[in-house]
Amino acid sequence: MSHVTTHVLDSVHGRPAAGMGVRLLHGAEELASGVTDADGRVSSLGPESLAAGTYQLVFATGEWFADRGVATFYPEVRIAFGIAGDEHYHVPLLLSPFGYSTYRGS
């Protein structure tokens, strides 16, 4: 079964980004949403099995930074990625107010 997880880290402060909203989209359809836990993780997002195709994770970075009184360049971070088969897809986000990076995690 394919499923999606994520982990958001605040690279400025070197700690998890707890309390950030995350949505999983397939095309224009929202499949699921969640909020990062105290460890900055959303352990399961969406259906237990996802069909092959292109999906997006949308992180509410603007709201998250605003709640902390920090200006940011990115009102949201949108990461498009492909699902090809029955695997676990882990998509981490390393975040600062003026930059971010991501990779295929395990």
N, C-alpha and C. Protein backbone atom coordinates (compact mmCIF):
# COMPACT_ATOMS: atom_id res chain seq x y z
N MET A 1 0.83 -1.19 0.00
CA MET A 1 0.00 0.00 0.00
C MET A 1 0.87 1.24 0.00
N SER A 2 0.50 2.22 -0.77
CA SER A 2 1.21 3.48 -0.77
C SER A 2 0.53 4.43 0.22
N HIS A 3 1.33 5.16 0.96
CA HIS A 3 0.80 6.20 1.83
C HIS A 3 1.85 7.28 1.99
N VAL A 4 1.41 8.44 2.47
CA VAL A 4 2.26 9.62 2.54
C VAL A 4 2.42 10.06 3.99
N THR A 5 3.65 10.40 4.35
CA THR A 5 3.95 11.02 5.64
C THR A 5 4.84 12.22 5.38
N THR A 6 4.94 13.10 6.36
CA THR A 6 5.82 14.25 6.23
C THR A 6 6.39 14.63 7.58
N HIS A 7 7.44 15.42 7.54
CA HIS A 7 8.14 15.89 8.73
C HIS A 7 8.64 17.29 8.41
N VAL A 8 8.29 18.27 9.22
CA VAL A 8 8.70 19.66 8.97
C VAL A 8 9.65 20.09 10.08
N LEU A 9 10.81 20.59 9.66
CA LEU A 9 11.81 21.06 10.61
C LEU A 9 12.08 22.54 10.39
N ASP A 10 12.08 23.29 11.48
CA ASP A 10 12.41 24.71 11.48
C ASP A 10 13.94 24.79 11.52
N SER A 11 14.56 25.09 10.38
CA SER A 11 16.02 25.06 10.32
C SER A 11 16.67 26.29 10.97
N VAL A 12 15.90 27.34 11.23
CA VAL A 12 16.44 28.52 11.92
C VAL A 12 16.68 28.19 13.39
N HIS A 13 15.72 27.53 14.01
CA HIS A 13 15.81 27.24 15.44
C HIS A 13 16.27 25.81 15.74
N GLY A 14 16.41 24.99 14.69
CA GLY A 14 16.89 23.63 14.88
C GLY A 14 15.94 22.75 15.65
N ARG A 15 14.63 22.90 15.37
CA ARG A 15 13.64 22.08 16.08
C ARG A 15 12.46 21.78 15.16
N PRO A 16 11.60 20.87 15.56
CA PRO A 16 10.43 20.53 14.76
C PRO A 16 9.48 21.72 14.63
N ALA A 17 8.79 21.77 13.52
CA ALA A 17 7.79 22.81 13.28
C ALA A 17 6.41 22.27 13.67
N ALA A 18 6.12 22.31 14.95
CA ALA A 18 4.85 21.80 15.46
C ALA A 18 3.71 22.76 15.15
N GLY A 19 2.54 22.22 14.86
CA GLY A 19 1.34 23.02 14.68
C GLY A 19 1.14 23.60 13.29
N MET A 20 1.81 23.06 12.28
CA MET A 20 1.66 23.56 10.91
C MET A 20 0.62 22.74 10.16
N GLY A 21 -0.28 23.42 9.47
CA GLY A 21 -1.28 22.76 8.65
C GLY A 21 -0.67 22.22 7.37
N VAL A 22 -1.11 21.01 6.98
CA VAL A 22 -0.63 20.35 5.77
C VAL A 22 -1.83 19.74 5.05
N ARG A 23 -1.88 19.91 3.73
CA ARG A 23 -2.95 19.30 2.93
C ARG A 23 -2.34 18.41 1.86
N LEU A 24 -3.01 17.32 1.54
CA LEU A 24 -2.61 16.42 0.44
C LEU A 24 -3.63 16.58 -0.68
N LEU A 25 -3.13 16.93 -1.87
CA LEU A 25 -3.98 17.13 -3.03
C LEU A 25 -3.63 16.14 -4.14
N HIS A 26 -4.64 15.76 -4.90
CA HIS A 26 -4.47 15.02 -6.14
C HIS A 26 -5.23 15.81 -7.19
N GLY A 27 -4.48 16.51 -8.06
CA GLY A 27 -5.12 17.48 -8.95
C GLY A 27 -5.68 18.60 -8.09
N ALA A 28 -6.94 18.95 -8.32
CA ALA A 28 -7.60 19.99 -7.52
C ALA A 28 -8.31 19.43 -6.29
N GLU A 29 -8.33 18.11 -6.16
CA GLU A 29 -9.07 17.47 -5.08
C GLU A 29 -8.22 17.34 -3.81
N GLU A 30 -8.75 17.84 -2.70
CA GLU A 30 -8.09 17.66 -1.42
C GLU A 30 -8.45 16.29 -0.87
N LEU A 31 -7.43 15.45 -0.68
CA LEU A 31 -7.66 14.10 -0.17
C LEU A 31 -7.62 14.03 1.34
N ALA A 32 -6.81 14.89 1.95
CA ALA A 32 -6.65 14.84 3.40
C ALA A 32 -5.98 16.11 3.88
N SER A 33 -6.10 16.34 5.17
CA SER A 33 -5.38 17.45 5.80
C SER A 33 -4.99 17.02 7.20
N GLY A 34 -4.00 17.69 7.74
CA GLY A 34 -3.54 17.38 9.08
C GLY A 34 -2.73 18.54 9.62
N VAL A 35 -2.27 18.38 10.85
CA VAL A 35 -1.44 19.37 11.52
C VAL A 35 -0.24 18.64 12.11
N THR A 36 0.94 19.22 11.95
CA THR A 36 2.13 18.57 12.48
C THR A 36 2.06 18.47 14.00
N ASP A 37 2.54 17.35 14.52
CA ASP A 37 2.53 17.11 15.96
C ASP A 37 3.75 17.78 16.61
N ALA A 38 3.97 17.51 17.88
CA ALA A 38 5.06 18.13 18.63
C ALA A 38 6.43 17.82 18.03
N ASP A 39 6.52 16.72 17.28
CA ASP A 39 7.78 16.33 16.63
C ASP A 39 7.84 16.84 15.19
N GLY A 40 6.85 17.66 14.77
CA GLY A 40 6.83 18.20 13.42
C GLY A 40 6.36 17.22 12.37
N ARG A 41 5.71 16.15 12.79
CA ARG A 41 5.33 15.08 11.87
C ARG A 41 3.82 14.97 11.67
N VAL A 42 3.46 14.52 10.48
CA VAL A 42 2.11 14.03 10.21
C VAL A 42 2.34 12.59 9.79
N SER A 43 1.96 11.66 10.66
CA SER A 43 2.34 10.25 10.47
C SER A 43 1.53 9.52 9.42
N SER A 44 0.37 10.03 9.08
CA SER A 44 -0.41 9.41 8.01
C SER A 44 -1.30 10.48 7.42
N LEU A 45 -1.20 10.64 6.12
CA LEU A 45 -1.94 11.68 5.44
C LEU A 45 -2.64 11.07 4.24
N GLY A 46 -3.93 11.05 4.29
CA GLY A 46 -4.69 10.55 3.16
C GLY A 46 -5.08 9.10 3.28
N PRO A 47 -5.65 8.58 2.22
CA PRO A 47 -6.08 7.18 2.20
C PRO A 47 -4.89 6.25 2.39
N GLU A 48 -5.17 5.04 2.82
CA GLU A 48 -4.12 4.05 3.02
C GLU A 48 -3.48 3.61 1.71
N SER A 49 -4.19 3.74 0.61
CA SER A 49 -3.65 3.32 -0.68
C SER A 49 -3.94 4.41 -1.71
N LEU A 50 -2.89 4.89 -2.34
CA LEU A 50 -3.02 5.95 -3.34
C LEU A 50 -2.66 5.39 -4.72
N ALA A 51 -3.44 5.76 -5.71
CA ALA A 51 -3.17 5.34 -7.08
C ALA A 51 -1.94 6.06 -7.60
N ALA A 52 -1.31 5.49 -8.61
CA ALA A 52 -0.18 6.13 -9.26
C ALA A 52 -0.62 7.48 -9.80
N GLY A 53 0.27 8.47 -9.74
CA GLY A 53 -0.05 9.79 -10.25
C GLY A 53 0.74 10.87 -9.56
N THR A 54 0.41 12.11 -9.86
CA THR A 54 1.08 13.27 -9.27
C THR A 54 0.22 13.82 -8.14
N TYR A 55 0.84 14.05 -7.01
CA TYR A 55 0.19 14.57 -5.82
C TYR A 55 0.93 15.82 -5.37
N GLN A 56 0.31 16.56 -4.46
CA GLN A 56 0.94 17.75 -3.89
C GLN A 56 0.73 17.77 -2.38
N LEU A 57 1.76 18.15 -1.67
CA LEU A 57 1.63 18.52 -0.27
C LEU A 57 1.69 20.03 -0.21
N VAL A 58 0.74 20.63 0.50
CA VAL A 58 0.68 22.09 0.64
C VAL A 58 0.82 22.41 2.13
N PHE A 59 1.88 23.13 2.46
CA PHE A 59 2.20 23.47 3.84
C PHE A 59 1.79 24.92 4.10
N ALA A 60 1.09 25.17 5.18
CA ALA A 60 0.61 26.52 5.53
C ALA A 60 1.71 27.29 6.25
N THR A 61 2.78 27.57 5.55
CA THR A 61 3.95 28.22 6.14
C THR A 61 3.67 29.67 6.55
N GLY A 62 2.90 30.39 5.74
CA GLY A 62 2.60 31.79 6.07
C GLY A 62 1.88 31.92 7.39
N GLU A 63 0.85 31.11 7.58
CA GLU A 63 0.09 31.12 8.84
C GLU A 63 0.98 30.72 10.01
N TRP A 64 1.80 29.70 9.79
CA TRP A 64 2.66 29.19 10.86
C TRP A 64 3.64 30.26 11.32
N PHE A 65 4.31 30.92 10.36
CA PHE A 65 5.25 31.99 10.73
C PHE A 65 4.51 33.18 11.34
N ALA A 66 3.36 33.55 10.79
CA ALA A 66 2.58 34.69 11.33
C ALA A 66 2.21 34.45 12.79
N ASP A 67 1.84 33.22 13.13
CA ASP A 67 1.50 32.88 14.52
C ASP A 67 2.68 33.08 15.46
N ARG A 68 3.87 33.09 14.90
CA ARG A 68 5.08 33.26 15.70
C ARG A 68 5.68 34.66 15.56
N GLY A 69 4.96 35.55 14.86
CA GLY A 69 5.42 36.92 14.69
C GLY A 69 6.63 37.06 13.78
N VAL A 70 6.76 36.14 12.82
CA VAL A 70 7.91 36.13 11.93
C VAL A 70 7.45 36.39 10.50
N ALA A 71 8.09 37.35 9.83
CA ALA A 71 7.78 37.61 8.42
C ALA A 71 8.38 36.50 7.56
N THR A 72 7.67 36.12 6.51
CA THR A 72 8.17 35.09 5.61
C THR A 72 7.89 35.47 4.17
N PHE A 73 8.70 34.98 3.28
CA PHE A 73 8.54 35.23 1.86
C PHE A 73 7.51 34.29 1.24
N TYR A 74 7.28 33.15 1.85
CA TYR A 74 6.43 32.11 1.29
C TYR A 74 5.11 31.99 2.05
N PRO A 75 3.97 32.36 1.45
CA PRO A 75 2.69 32.19 2.12
C PRO A 75 2.31 30.71 2.25
N GLU A 76 2.85 29.89 1.36
CA GLU A 76 2.69 28.45 1.44
C GLU A 76 3.84 27.81 0.69
N VAL A 77 4.10 26.55 1.02
CA VAL A 77 5.05 25.75 0.25
C VAL A 77 4.25 24.61 -0.34
N ARG A 78 4.37 24.45 -1.65
CA ARG A 78 3.63 23.43 -2.39
C ARG A 78 4.66 22.51 -3.05
N ILE A 79 4.63 21.23 -2.66
CA ILE A 79 5.58 20.26 -3.19
C ILE A 79 4.82 19.23 -4.02
N ALA A 80 5.12 19.18 -5.31
CA ALA A 80 4.53 18.18 -6.19
C ALA A 80 5.47 16.97 -6.25
N PHE A 81 4.90 15.77 -6.22
CA PHE A 81 5.71 14.55 -6.27
C PHE A 81 4.89 13.45 -6.93
N GLY A 82 5.59 12.45 -7.43
CA GLY A 82 4.92 11.36 -8.12
C GLY A 82 4.88 10.10 -7.29
N ILE A 83 3.74 9.43 -7.35
CA ILE A 83 3.58 8.11 -6.73
C ILE A 83 3.52 7.10 -7.86
N ALA A 84 4.39 6.08 -7.77
CA ALA A 84 4.49 5.11 -8.84
C ALA A 84 3.99 3.72 -8.45
N GLY A 85 3.96 3.43 -7.16
CA GLY A 85 3.57 2.08 -6.75
C GLY A 85 3.23 2.02 -5.29
N ASP A 86 3.09 0.81 -4.81
CA ASP A 86 2.72 0.57 -3.42
C ASP A 86 3.92 0.70 -2.50
N GLU A 87 4.22 1.93 -2.14
CA GLU A 87 5.35 2.21 -1.27
C GLU A 87 4.95 3.26 -0.24
N HIS A 88 5.83 3.46 0.71
CA HIS A 88 5.69 4.55 1.68
C HIS A 88 6.41 5.76 1.08
N TYR A 89 5.72 6.88 1.00
CA TYR A 89 6.29 8.11 0.47
C TYR A 89 6.42 9.11 1.61
N HIS A 90 7.66 9.39 2.00
CA HIS A 90 7.94 10.33 3.08
C HIS A 90 8.54 11.58 2.46
N VAL A 91 7.91 12.74 2.70
CA VAL A 91 8.31 14.00 2.07
C VAL A 91 8.63 15.02 3.16
N PRO A 92 9.90 15.10 3.60
CA PRO A 92 10.29 16.06 4.62
C PRO A 92 10.42 17.47 4.03
N LEU A 93 10.25 18.47 4.90
CA LEU A 93 10.42 19.87 4.53
C LEU A 93 11.33 20.53 5.57
N LEU A 94 12.44 21.09 5.11
CA LEU A 94 13.34 21.87 5.96
C LEU A 94 13.05 23.33 5.65
N LEU A 95 12.72 24.11 6.67
CA LEU A 95 12.10 25.40 6.46
C LEU A 95 12.78 26.54 7.21
N SER A 96 12.89 27.68 6.54
CA SER A 96 13.24 28.95 7.17
C SER A 96 12.33 30.01 6.57
N PRO A 97 12.30 31.23 7.10
CA PRO A 97 11.38 32.24 6.57
C PRO A 97 11.63 32.60 5.10
N PHE A 98 12.87 32.41 4.62
CA PHE A 98 13.19 32.86 3.27
C PHE A 98 13.79 31.75 2.40
N GLY A 99 13.58 30.51 2.78
CA GLY A 99 14.06 29.40 1.98
C GLY A 99 13.53 28.08 2.51
N TYR A 100 13.57 27.07 1.67
CA TYR A 100 13.17 25.73 2.07
C TYR A 100 13.83 24.70 1.17
N SER A 101 13.91 23.47 1.64
CA SER A 101 14.37 22.36 0.81
C SER A 101 13.59 21.12 1.20
N THR A 102 13.59 20.18 0.29
CA THR A 102 12.85 18.93 0.49
C THR A 102 13.59 17.81 -0.22
N TYR A 103 13.22 16.58 0.08
CA TYR A 103 13.84 15.41 -0.54
C TYR A 103 12.91 14.23 -0.33
N ARG A 104 13.19 13.14 -1.00
CA ARG A 104 12.44 11.89 -0.77
C ARG A 104 13.04 11.21 0.42
N GLY A 105 12.29 11.13 1.48
CA GLY A 105 12.77 10.50 2.70
C GLY A 105 12.45 9.02 2.74
N SER A 106 12.72 8.42 3.88
CA SER A 106 12.45 6.98 4.03
C SER A 106 11.55 6.73 5.22
